[in-house]
Amino acid sequence: MRLSELQVGDKAEVTGLEVEGSVRRRLLDMGLISGTRFKVLRVAPLGDPVEIFFKGMYLSLRKSEAEGVLVSKQGRIGDSLPMGRQLYRRRKQGGVL
C-alpha cells in the first residue's frame, strides 16, 4: 500500500521508499525511514498535498512523493482508546451502540 492511498485518521508504518534522488534524501533526512510510524492528519481535496505527523513534527508531501512511500496500515486514530472511552465517544457523537 502507498501513503497516497491512506485516508485522514489512518495510522501506518513506513515499509520502504520507491523514490530516488533528492526526494529520497529529503525524506530520509527528515526521519521517514522503514519502521517509522505516523498519522495522516489532512489530505487536500485533490489528494495533493498530504499532511502527516510523526516523531513530533508535521510533514506535508506532494502526491507524487507520497506515491513513492510504501506503508503498512496500522489502524485509525482512536483505535487504541480503552473500550469504555470508545463507547463514551460514540454516545457523545450520537452513534448507535
PDB file of N, CA and C in Angstrom:
ATOM      1  N   MET A   1       0.849  -1.171   0.000  1.00  0.00           N
ATOM      2  CA  MET A   1       0.000   0.000   0.000  1.00  0.00           C
ATOM      3  C   MET A   1       0.896   1.236   0.000  1.00  0.00           C
ATOM      4  N   ARG A   2       0.396   2.309  -0.583  1.00  0.00           N
ATOM      5  CA  ARG A   2       1.163   3.556  -0.669  1.00  0.00           C
ATOM      6  C   ARG A   2       0.563   4.623   0.247  1.00  0.00           C
ATOM      7  N   LEU A   3       1.409   5.530   0.703  1.00  0.00           N
ATOM      8  CA  LEU A   3       0.958   6.600   1.579  1.00  0.00           C
ATOM      9  C   LEU A   3      -0.157   7.409   0.921  1.00  0.00           C
ATOM     10  N   SER A   4      -0.104   7.588  -0.372  1.00  0.00           N
ATOM     11  CA  SER A   4      -1.113   8.382  -1.085  1.00  0.00           C
ATOM     12  C   SER A   4      -2.497   7.735  -1.048  1.00  0.00           C
ATOM     13  N   GLU A   5      -2.592   6.451  -0.698  1.00  0.00           N
ATOM     14  CA  GLU A   5      -3.872   5.740  -0.645  1.00  0.00           C
ATOM     15  C   GLU A   5      -4.551   5.833   0.718  1.00  0.00           C
ATOM     16  N   LEU A   6      -3.845   6.345   1.729  1.00  0.00           N
ATOM     17  CA  LEU A   6      -4.401   6.433   3.074  1.00  0.00           C
ATOM     18  C   LEU A   6      -5.390   7.582   3.183  1.00  0.00           C
ATOM     19  N   GLN A   7      -6.285   7.470   4.155  1.00  0.00           N
ATOM     20  CA  GLN A   7      -7.301   8.483   4.417  1.00  0.00           C
ATOM     21  C   GLN A   7      -6.944   9.244   5.693  1.00  0.00           C
ATOM     22  N   VAL A   8      -7.594  10.382   5.893  1.00  0.00           N
ATOM     23  CA  VAL A   8      -7.415  11.159   7.112  1.00  0.00           C
ATOM     24  C   VAL A   8      -7.786  10.282   8.304  1.00  0.00           C
ATOM     25  N   GLY A   9      -6.937  10.275   9.316  1.00  0.00           N
ATOM     26  CA  GLY A   9      -7.183   9.483  10.514  1.00  0.00           C
ATOM     27  C   GLY A   9      -6.503   8.130  10.523  1.00  0.00           C
ATOM     28  N   ASP A  10      -5.924   7.722   9.409  1.00  0.00           N
ATOM     29  CA  ASP A  10      -5.238   6.430   9.353  1.00  0.00           C
ATOM     30  C   ASP A  10      -3.876   6.517  10.036  1.00  0.00           C
ATOM     31  N   LYS A  11      -3.492   5.414  10.683  1.00  0.00           N
ATOM     32  CA  LYS A  11      -2.151   5.272  11.243  1.00  0.00           C
ATOM     33  C   LYS A  11      -1.434   4.221  10.408  1.00  0.00           C
ATOM     34  N   ALA A  12      -0.150   4.428  10.160  1.00  0.00           N
ATOM     35  CA  ALA A  12       0.594   3.483   9.324  1.00  0.00           C
ATOM     36  C   ALA A  12       2.064   3.475   9.717  1.00  0.00           C
ATOM     37  N   GLU A  13       2.775   2.512   9.145  1.00  0.00           N
ATOM     38  CA  GLU A  13       4.212   2.377   9.359  1.00  0.00           C
ATOM     39  C   GLU A  13       4.894   2.295   8.001  1.00  0.00           C
ATOM     40  N   VAL A  14       5.985   3.029   7.855  1.00  0.00           N
ATOM     41  CA  VAL A  14       6.738   3.019   6.601  1.00  0.00           C
ATOM     42  C   VAL A  14       7.422   1.661   6.438  1.00  0.00           C
ATOM     43  N   THR A  15       7.258   1.059   5.251  1.00  0.00           N
ATOM     44  CA  THR A  15       7.919  -0.218   4.963  1.00  0.00           C
ATOM     45  C   THR A  15       9.012  -0.070   3.907  1.00  0.00           C
ATOM     46  N   GLY A  16       9.019   1.051   3.187  1.00  0.00           N
ATOM     47  CA  GLY A  16      10.052   1.264   2.180  1.00  0.00           C
ATOM     48  C   GLY A  16       9.814   2.521   1.372  1.00  0.00           C
ATOM     49  N   LEU A  17      10.827   2.917   0.612  1.00  0.00           N
ATOM     50  CA  LEU A  17      10.736   4.092  -0.256  1.00  0.00           C
ATOM     51  C   LEU A  17      11.025   3.678  -1.690  1.00  0.00           C
ATOM     52  N   GLU A  18      10.183   4.133  -2.609  1.00  0.00           N
ATOM     53  CA  GLU A  18      10.394   3.873  -4.037  1.00  0.00           C
ATOM     54  C   GLU A  18      10.678   5.165  -4.789  1.00  0.00           C
ATOM     55  N   VAL A  19      11.269   6.126  -4.110  1.00  0.00           N
ATOM     56  CA  VAL A  19      11.639   7.388  -4.745  1.00  0.00           C
ATOM     57  C   VAL A  19      13.160   7.461  -4.788  1.00  0.00           C
ATOM     58  N   GLU A  20      13.676   8.248  -5.698  1.00  0.00           N
ATOM     59  CA  GLU A  20      15.124   8.350  -5.881  1.00  0.00           C
ATOM     60  C   GLU A  20      15.569   9.805  -5.792  1.00  0.00           C
ATOM     61  N   GLY A  21      16.855   9.985  -5.759  1.00  0.00           N
ATOM     62  CA  GLY A  21      17.444  11.314  -5.837  1.00  0.00           C
ATOM     63  C   GLY A  21      17.203  12.186  -4.627  1.00  0.00           C
ATOM     64  N   SER A  22      16.978  13.474  -4.892  1.00  0.00           N
ATOM     65  CA  SER A  22      16.857  14.459  -3.823  1.00  0.00           C
ATOM     66  C   SER A  22      15.613  14.244  -2.968  1.00  0.00           C
ATOM     67  N   VAL A  23      14.547  13.724  -3.556  1.00  0.00           N
ATOM     68  CA  VAL A  23      13.325  13.470  -2.778  1.00  0.00           C
ATOM     69  C   VAL A  23      13.598  12.380  -1.742  1.00  0.00           C
ATOM     70  N   ARG A  24      14.257  11.322  -2.166  1.00  0.00           N
ATOM     71  CA  ARG A  24      14.601  10.230  -1.237  1.00  0.00           C
ATOM     72  C   ARG A  24      15.483  10.751  -0.105  1.00  0.00           C
ATOM     73  N   ARG A  25      16.497  11.528  -0.454  1.00  0.00           N
ATOM     74  CA  ARG A  25      17.414  12.080   0.548  1.00  0.00           C
ATOM     75  C   ARG A  25      16.654  12.956   1.534  1.00  0.00           C
ATOM     76  N   ARG A  26      15.739  13.789   1.033  1.00  0.00           N
ATOM     77  CA  ARG A  26      14.958  14.683   1.897  1.00  0.00           C
ATOM     78  C   ARG A  26      14.116  13.885   2.884  1.00  0.00           C
ATOM     79  N   LEU A  27      13.429  12.844   2.403  1.00  0.00           N
ATOM     80  CA  LEU A  27      12.584  12.029   3.276  1.00  0.00           C
ATOM     81  C   LEU A  27      13.417  11.300   4.330  1.00  0.00           C
ATOM     82  N   LEU A  28      14.546  10.755   3.915  1.00  0.00           N
ATOM     83  CA  LEU A  28      15.420  10.063   4.862  1.00  0.00           C
ATOM     84  C   LEU A  28      15.996  11.027   5.893  1.00  0.00           C
ATOM     85  N   ASP A  29      16.403  12.220   5.449  1.00  0.00           N
ATOM     86  CA  ASP A  29      16.955  13.221   6.363  1.00  0.00           C
ATOM     87  C   ASP A  29      15.938  13.660   7.404  1.00  0.00           C
ATOM     88  N   MET A  30      14.670  13.675   7.035  1.00  0.00           N
ATOM     89  CA  MET A  30      13.617  14.091   7.967  1.00  0.00           C
ATOM     90  C   MET A  30      13.178  12.951   8.878  1.00  0.00           C
ATOM     91  N   GLY A  31      13.701  11.751   8.659  1.00  0.00           N
ATOM     92  CA  GLY A  31      13.390  10.634   9.545  1.00  0.00           C
ATOM     93  C   GLY A  31      12.310   9.698   9.052  1.00  0.00           C
ATOM     94  N   LEU A  32      11.886   9.837   7.814  1.00  0.00           N
ATOM     95  CA  LEU A  32      10.853   8.960   7.257  1.00  0.00           C
ATOM     96  C   LEU A  32      11.540   7.709   6.703  1.00  0.00           C
ATOM     97  N   ILE A  33      11.922   6.816   7.614  1.00  0.00           N
ATOM     98  CA  ILE A  33      12.646   5.596   7.258  1.00  0.00           C
ATOM     99  C   ILE A  33      11.782   4.381   7.581  1.00  0.00           C
ATOM    100  N   SER A  34      12.194   3.220   7.134  1.00  0.00           N
ATOM    101  CA  SER A  34      11.450   1.991   7.425  1.00  0.00           C
ATOM    102  C   SER A  34      11.261   1.841   8.929  1.00  0.00           C
ATOM    103  N   GLY A  35      10.038   1.522   9.325  1.00  0.00           N
ATOM    104  CA  GLY A  35       9.717   1.357  10.736  1.00  0.00           C
ATOM    105  C   GLY A  35       9.121   2.591  11.384  1.00  0.00           C
ATOM    106  N   THR A  36       9.166   3.736  10.708  1.00  0.00           N
ATOM    107  CA  THR A  36       8.605   4.967  11.258  1.00  0.00           C
ATOM    108  C   THR A  36       7.085   4.895  11.235  1.00  0.00           C
ATOM    109  N   ARG A  37       6.465   5.161  12.376  1.00  0.00           N
ATOM    110  CA  ARG A  37       5.002   5.185  12.464  1.00  0.00           C
ATOM    111  C   ARG A  37       4.526   6.626  12.384  1.00  0.00           C
ATOM    112  N   PHE A  38       3.396   6.822  11.724  1.00  0.00           N
ATOM    113  CA  PHE A  38       2.869   8.170  11.542  1.00  0.00           C
ATOM    114  C   PHE A  38       1.349   8.145  11.472  1.00  0.00           C
ATOM    115  N   LYS A  39       0.768   9.341  11.529  1.00  0.00           N
ATOM    116  CA  LYS A  39      -0.678   9.524  11.410  1.00  0.00           C
ATOM    117  C   LYS A  39      -0.948  10.464  10.249  1.00  0.00           C
ATOM    118  N   VAL A  40      -1.996  10.189   9.482  1.00  0.00           N
ATOM    119  CA  VAL A  40      -2.407  11.086   8.397  1.00  0.00           C
ATOM    120  C   VAL A  40      -3.363  12.108   9.001  1.00  0.00           C
ATOM    121  N   LEU A  41      -2.981  13.379   8.964  1.00  0.00           N
ATOM    122  CA  LEU A  41      -3.794  14.429   9.565  1.00  0.00           C
ATOM    123  C   LEU A  41      -4.715  15.113   8.572  1.00  0.00           C
ATOM    124  N   ARG A  42      -4.203  15.392   7.384  1.00  0.00           N
ATOM    125  CA  ARG A  42      -5.003  16.109   6.381  1.00  0.00           C
ATOM    126  C   ARG A  42      -4.647  15.635   4.986  1.00  0.00           C
ATOM    127  N   VAL A  43      -5.658  15.656   4.129  1.00  0.00           N
ATOM    128  CA  VAL A  43      -5.453  15.390   2.707  1.00  0.00           C
ATOM    129  C   VAL A  43      -6.234  16.460   1.958  1.00  0.00           C
ATOM    130  N   ALA A  44      -5.580  17.174   1.065  1.00  0.00           N
ATOM    131  CA  ALA A  44      -6.252  18.215   0.283  1.00  0.00           C
ATOM    132  C   ALA A  44      -7.313  17.576  -0.616  1.00  0.00           C
ATOM    133  N   PRO A  45      -8.283  18.367  -1.068  1.00  0.00           N
ATOM    134  CA  PRO A  45      -9.388  17.822  -1.872  1.00  0.00           C
ATOM    135  C   PRO A  45      -8.964  16.961  -3.059  1.00  0.00           C
ATOM    136  N   LEU A  46      -7.914  17.303  -3.733  1.00  0.00           N
ATOM    137  CA  LEU A  46      -7.468  16.505  -4.875  1.00  0.00           C
ATOM    138  C   LEU A  46      -6.329  15.551  -4.495  1.00  0.00           C
ATOM    139  N   GLY A  47      -6.097  15.390  -3.186  1.00  0.00           N
ATOM    140  CA  GLY A  47      -5.064  14.474  -2.715  1.00  0.00           C
ATOM    141  C   GLY A  47      -3.662  15.041  -2.725  1.00  0.00           C
ATOM    142  N   ASP A  48      -3.529  16.336  -2.932  1.00  0.00           N
ATOM    143  CA  ASP A  48      -2.207  16.949  -3.036  1.00  0.00           C
ATOM    144  C   ASP A  48      -2.207  18.299  -2.334  1.00  0.00           C
ATOM    145  N   PRO A  49      -1.545  18.502  -1.234  1.00  0.00           N
ATOM    146  CA  PRO A  49      -0.615  17.625  -0.536  1.00  0.00           C
ATOM    147  C   PRO A  49      -1.300  16.774   0.544  1.00  0.00           C
ATOM    148  N   VAL A  50      -0.489  15.904   1.165  1.00  0.00           N
ATOM    149  CA  VAL A  50      -0.905  15.057   2.279  1.00  0.00           C
ATOM    150  C   VAL A  50      -0.080  15.485   3.485  1.00  0.00           C
ATOM    151  N   GLU A  51      -0.744  15.730   4.621  1.00  0.00           N
ATOM    152  CA  GLU A  51      -0.011  16.116   5.830  1.00  0.00           C
ATOM    153  C   GLU A  51       0.004  14.945   6.803  1.00  0.00           C
ATOM    154  N   ILE A  52       1.211  14.603   7.274  1.00  0.00           N
ATOM    155  CA  ILE A  52       1.355  13.525   8.247  1.00  0.00           C
ATOM    156  C   ILE A  52       2.053  14.058   9.495  1.00  0.00           C
ATOM    157  N   PHE A  53       1.903  13.324  10.593  1.00  0.00           N
ATOM    158  CA  PHE A  53       2.540  13.680  11.858  1.00  0.00           C
ATOM    159  C   PHE A  53       3.346  12.487  12.345  1.00  0.00           C
ATOM    160  N   PHE A  54       4.628  12.690  12.603  1.00  0.00           N
ATOM    161  CA  PHE A  54       5.485  11.638  13.143  1.00  0.00           C
ATOM    162  C   PHE A  54       6.657  12.253  13.885  1.00  0.00           C
ATOM    163  N   LYS A  55       7.120  11.563  14.910  1.00  0.00           N
ATOM    164  CA  LYS A  55       8.283  11.996  15.695  1.00  0.00           C
ATOM    165  C   LYS A  55       8.179  13.452  16.139  1.00  0.00           C
ATOM    166  N   GLY A  56       6.965  13.893  16.474  1.00  0.00           N
ATOM    167  CA  GLY A  56       6.768  15.244  16.980  1.00  0.00           C
ATOM    168  C   GLY A  56       6.790  16.345  15.942  1.00  0.00           C
ATOM    169  N   MET A  57       6.728  15.997  14.663  1.00  0.00           N
ATOM    170  CA  MET A  57       6.722  17.049  13.637  1.00  0.00           C
ATOM    171  C   MET A  57       5.678  16.772  12.559  1.00  0.00           C
ATOM    172  N   TYR A  58       5.315  17.823  11.878  1.00  0.00           N
ATOM    173  CA  TYR A  58       4.345  17.759  10.792  1.00  0.00           C
ATOM    174  C   TYR A  58       5.101  17.823   9.471  1.00  0.00           C
ATOM    175  N   LEU A  59       4.657  17.018   8.509  1.00  0.00           N
ATOM    176  CA  LEU A  59       5.309  16.997   7.204  1.00  0.00           C
ATOM    177  C   LEU A  59       4.243  16.935   6.123  1.00  0.00           C
ATOM    178  N   SER A  60       4.329  17.836   5.166  1.00  0.00           N
ATOM    179  CA  SER A  60       3.421  17.817   4.014  1.00  0.00           C
ATOM    180  C   SER A  60       4.176  17.282   2.808  1.00  0.00           C
ATOM    181  N   LEU A  61       3.548  16.328   2.128  1.00  0.00           N
ATOM    182  CA  LEU A  61       4.152  15.710   0.951  1.00  0.00           C
ATOM    183  C   LEU A  61       3.271  15.911  -0.263  1.00  0.00           C
ATOM    184  N   ARG A  62       3.898  16.152  -1.404  1.00  0.00           N
ATOM    185  CA  ARG A  62       3.157  16.183  -2.662  1.00  0.00           C
ATOM    186  C   ARG A  62       2.634  14.781  -2.945  1.00  0.00           C
ATOM    187  N   LYS A  63       1.590  14.694  -3.736  1.00  0.00           N
ATOM    188  CA  LYS A  63       1.020  13.390  -4.073  1.00  0.00           C
ATOM    189  C   LYS A  63       2.062  12.504  -4.753  1.00  0.00           C
ATOM    190  N   SER A  64       2.874  13.090  -5.621  1.00  0.00           N
ATOM    191  CA  SER A  64       3.904  12.308  -6.320  1.00  0.00           C
ATOM    192  C   SER A  64       4.934  11.745  -5.343  1.00  0.00           C
ATOM    193  N   GLU A  65       5.240  12.484  -4.279  1.00  0.00           N
ATOM    194  CA  GLU A  65       6.167  11.990  -3.262  1.00  0.00           C
ATOM    195  C   GLU A  65       5.510  10.904  -2.414  1.00  0.00           C
ATOM    196  N   ALA A  66       4.246  11.131  -2.050  1.00  0.00           N
ATOM    197  CA  ALA A  66       3.512  10.165  -1.221  1.00  0.00           C
ATOM    198  C   ALA A  66       3.323   8.831  -1.940  1.00  0.00           C
ATOM    199  N   GLU A  67       3.233   8.864  -3.264  1.00  0.00           N
ATOM    200  CA  GLU A  67       3.079   7.622  -4.026  1.00  0.00           C
ATOM    201  C   GLU A  67       4.339   6.760  -3.970  1.00  0.00           C
ATOM    202  N   GLY A  68       5.467   7.353  -3.652  1.00  0.00           N
ATOM    203  CA  GLY A  68       6.714   6.606  -3.565  1.00  0.00           C
ATOM    204  C   GLY A  68       7.028   6.069  -2.181  1.00  0.00           C
ATOM    205  N   VAL A  69       6.113   6.283  -1.224  1.00  0.00           N
ATOM    206  CA  VAL A  69       6.323   5.798   0.142  1.00  0.00           C
ATOM    207  C   VAL A  69       5.430   4.582   0.372  1.00  0.00           C
ATOM    208  N   LEU A  70       6.048   3.426   0.582  1.00  0.00           N
ATOM    209  CA  LEU A  70       5.304   2.192   0.840  1.00  0.00           C
ATOM    210  C   LEU A  70       5.017   2.091   2.333  1.00  0.00           C
ATOM    211  N   VAL A  71       3.774   1.724   2.675  1.00  0.00           N
ATOM    212  CA  VAL A  71       3.366   1.697   4.080  1.00  0.00           C
ATOM    213  C   VAL A  71       2.575   0.436   4.399  1.00  0.00           C
ATOM    214  N   SER A  72       2.456   0.180   5.681  1.00  0.00           N
ATOM    215  CA  SER A  72       1.605  -0.879   6.204  1.00  0.00           C
ATOM    216  C   SER A  72       0.612  -0.204   7.141  1.00  0.00           C
ATOM    217  N   LYS A  73      -0.671  -0.273   6.823  1.00  0.00           N
ATOM    218  CA  LYS A  73      -1.695   0.392   7.632  1.00  0.00           C
ATOM    219  C   LYS A  73      -1.782  -0.279   8.995  1.00  0.00           C
ATOM    220  N   GLN A  74      -1.813   0.541  10.052  1.00  0.00           N
ATOM    221  CA  GLN A  74      -1.818   0.043  11.425  1.00  0.00           C
ATOM    222  C   GLN A  74      -3.137   0.277  12.147  1.00  0.00           C
ATOM    223  N   GLY A  75      -4.082   0.946  11.521  1.00  0.00           N
ATOM    224  CA  GLY A  75      -5.360   1.232  12.170  1.00  0.00           C
ATOM    225  C   GLY A  75      -5.780   2.666  11.938  1.00  0.00           C
ATOM    226  N   ARG A  76      -6.623   3.162  12.862  1.00  0.00           N
ATOM    227  CA  ARG A  76      -7.121   4.529  12.760  1.00  0.00           C
ATOM    228  C   ARG A  76      -6.863   5.251  14.072  1.00  0.00           C
ATOM    229  N   ILE A  77      -6.808   6.567  14.010  1.00  0.00           N
ATOM    230  CA  ILE A  77      -6.638   7.363  15.217  1.00  0.00           C
ATOM    231  C   ILE A  77      -7.832   7.086  16.124  1.00  0.00           C
ATOM    232  N   GLY A  78      -7.568   6.788  17.388  1.00  0.00           N
ATOM    233  CA  GLY A  78      -8.631   6.489  18.346  1.00  0.00           C
ATOM    234  C   GLY A  78      -8.851   5.005  18.558  1.00  0.00           C
ATOM    235  N   ASP A  79      -8.273   4.152  17.718  1.00  0.00           N
ATOM    236  CA  ASP A  79      -8.436   2.703  17.887  1.00  0.00           C
ATOM    237  C   ASP A  79      -7.822   2.200  19.183  1.00  0.00           C
ATOM    238  N   SER A  80      -6.837   2.897  19.706  1.00  0.00           N
ATOM    239  CA  SER A  80      -6.133   2.414  20.891  1.00  0.00           C
ATOM    240  C   SER A  80      -6.783   2.869  22.193  1.00  0.00           C
ATOM    241  N   LEU A  81      -7.906   3.592  22.095  1.00  0.00           N
ATOM    242  CA  LEU A  81      -8.595   4.009  23.308  1.00  0.00           C
ATOM    243  C   LEU A  81      -9.178   2.794  24.011  1.00  0.00           C
ATOM    244  N   PRO A  82      -9.203   2.804  25.346  1.00  0.00           N
ATOM    245  CA  PRO A  82      -9.870   1.712  26.051  1.00  0.00           C
ATOM    246  C   PRO A  82     -11.329   1.625  25.612  1.00  0.00           C
ATOM    247  N   MET A  83     -11.906   0.444  25.661  1.00  0.00           N
ATOM    248  CA  MET A  83     -13.261   0.228  25.153  1.00  0.00           C
ATOM    249  C   MET A  83     -14.271   1.186  25.777  1.00  0.00           C
ATOM    250  N   GLY A  84     -14.179   1.416  27.072  1.00  0.00           N
ATOM    251  CA  GLY A  84     -15.111   2.330  27.729  1.00  0.00           C
ATOM    252  C   GLY A  84     -15.035   3.730  27.135  1.00  0.00           C
ATOM    253  N   ARG A  85     -13.843   4.168  26.819  1.00  0.00           N
ATOM    254  CA  ARG A  85     -13.650   5.502  26.239  1.00  0.00           C
ATOM    255  C   ARG A  85     -14.226   5.554  24.825  1.00  0.00           C
ATOM    256  N   GLN A  86     -14.094   4.465  24.064  1.00  0.00           N
ATOM    257  CA  GLN A  86     -14.671   4.418  22.723  1.00  0.00           C
ATOM    258  C   GLN A  86     -16.188   4.501  22.795  1.00  0.00           C
ATOM    259  N   LEU A  87     -16.787   3.787  23.740  1.00  0.00           N
ATOM    260  CA  LEU A  87     -18.245   3.828  23.900  1.00  0.00           C
ATOM    261  C   LEU A  87     -18.703   5.231  24.269  1.00  0.00           C
ATOM    262  N   TYR A  88     -17.963   5.879  25.182  1.00  0.00           N
ATOM    263  CA  TYR A  88     -18.303   7.239  25.567  1.00  0.00           C
ATOM    264  C   TYR A  88     -18.260   8.169  24.356  1.00  0.00           C
ATOM    265  N   ARG A  89     -17.234   8.037  23.534  1.00  0.00           N
ATOM    266  CA  ARG A  89     -17.100   8.883  22.350  1.00  0.00           C
ATOM    267  C   ARG A  89     -18.271   8.649  21.390  1.00  0.00           C
ATOM    268  N   ARG A  90     -18.657   7.391  21.183  1.00  0.00           N
ATOM    269  CA  ARG A  90     -19.774   7.091  20.282  1.00  0.00           C
ATOM    270  C   ARG A  90     -21.081   7.672  20.806  1.00  0.00           C
ATOM    271  N   ARG A  91     -21.312   7.531  22.099  1.00  0.00           N
ATOM    272  CA  ARG A  91     -22.539   8.088  22.685  1.00  0.00           C
ATOM    273  C   ARG A  91     -22.567   9.605  22.523  1.00  0.00           C
ATOM    274  N   LYS A  92     -21.441  10.231  22.791  1.00  0.00           N
ATOM    275  CA  LYS A  92     -21.347  11.685  22.704  1.00  0.00           C
ATOM    276  C   LYS A  92     -21.620  12.170  21.281  1.00  0.00           C
ATOM    277  N   GLN A  93     -21.199  11.384  20.280  1.00  0.00           N
ATOM    278  CA  GLN A  93     -21.399  11.762  18.885  1.00  0.00           C
ATOM    279  C   GLN A  93     -22.762  11.316  18.363  1.00  0.00           C
ATOM    280  N   GLY A  94     -23.570  10.699  19.216  1.00  0.00           N
ATOM    281  CA  GLY A  94     -24.904  10.280  18.795  1.00  0.00           C
ATOM    282  C   GLY A  94     -24.932   8.961  18.065  1.00  0.00           C
ATOM    283  N   GLY A  95     -23.863   8.183  18.181  1.00  0.00           N
ATOM    284  CA  GLY A  95     -23.805   6.890  17.496  1.00  0.00           C
ATOM    285  C   GLY A  95     -24.646   5.839  18.192  1.00  0.00           C
ATOM    286  N   VAL A  96     -25.060   4.851  17.455  1.00  0.00           N
ATOM    287  CA  VAL A  96     -25.846   3.752  17.996  1.00  0.00           C
ATOM    288  C   VAL A  96     -24.895   2.686  18.506  1.00  0.00           C
ATOM    289  N   LEU A  97     -25.201   2.143  19.685  1.00  0.00           N
ATOM    290  CA  LEU A  97     -24.340   1.096  20.252  1.00  0.00           C
ATOM    291  C   LEU A  97     -24.774  -0.262  19.801  1.00  0.00           C
TER     292      LEU A  97
END
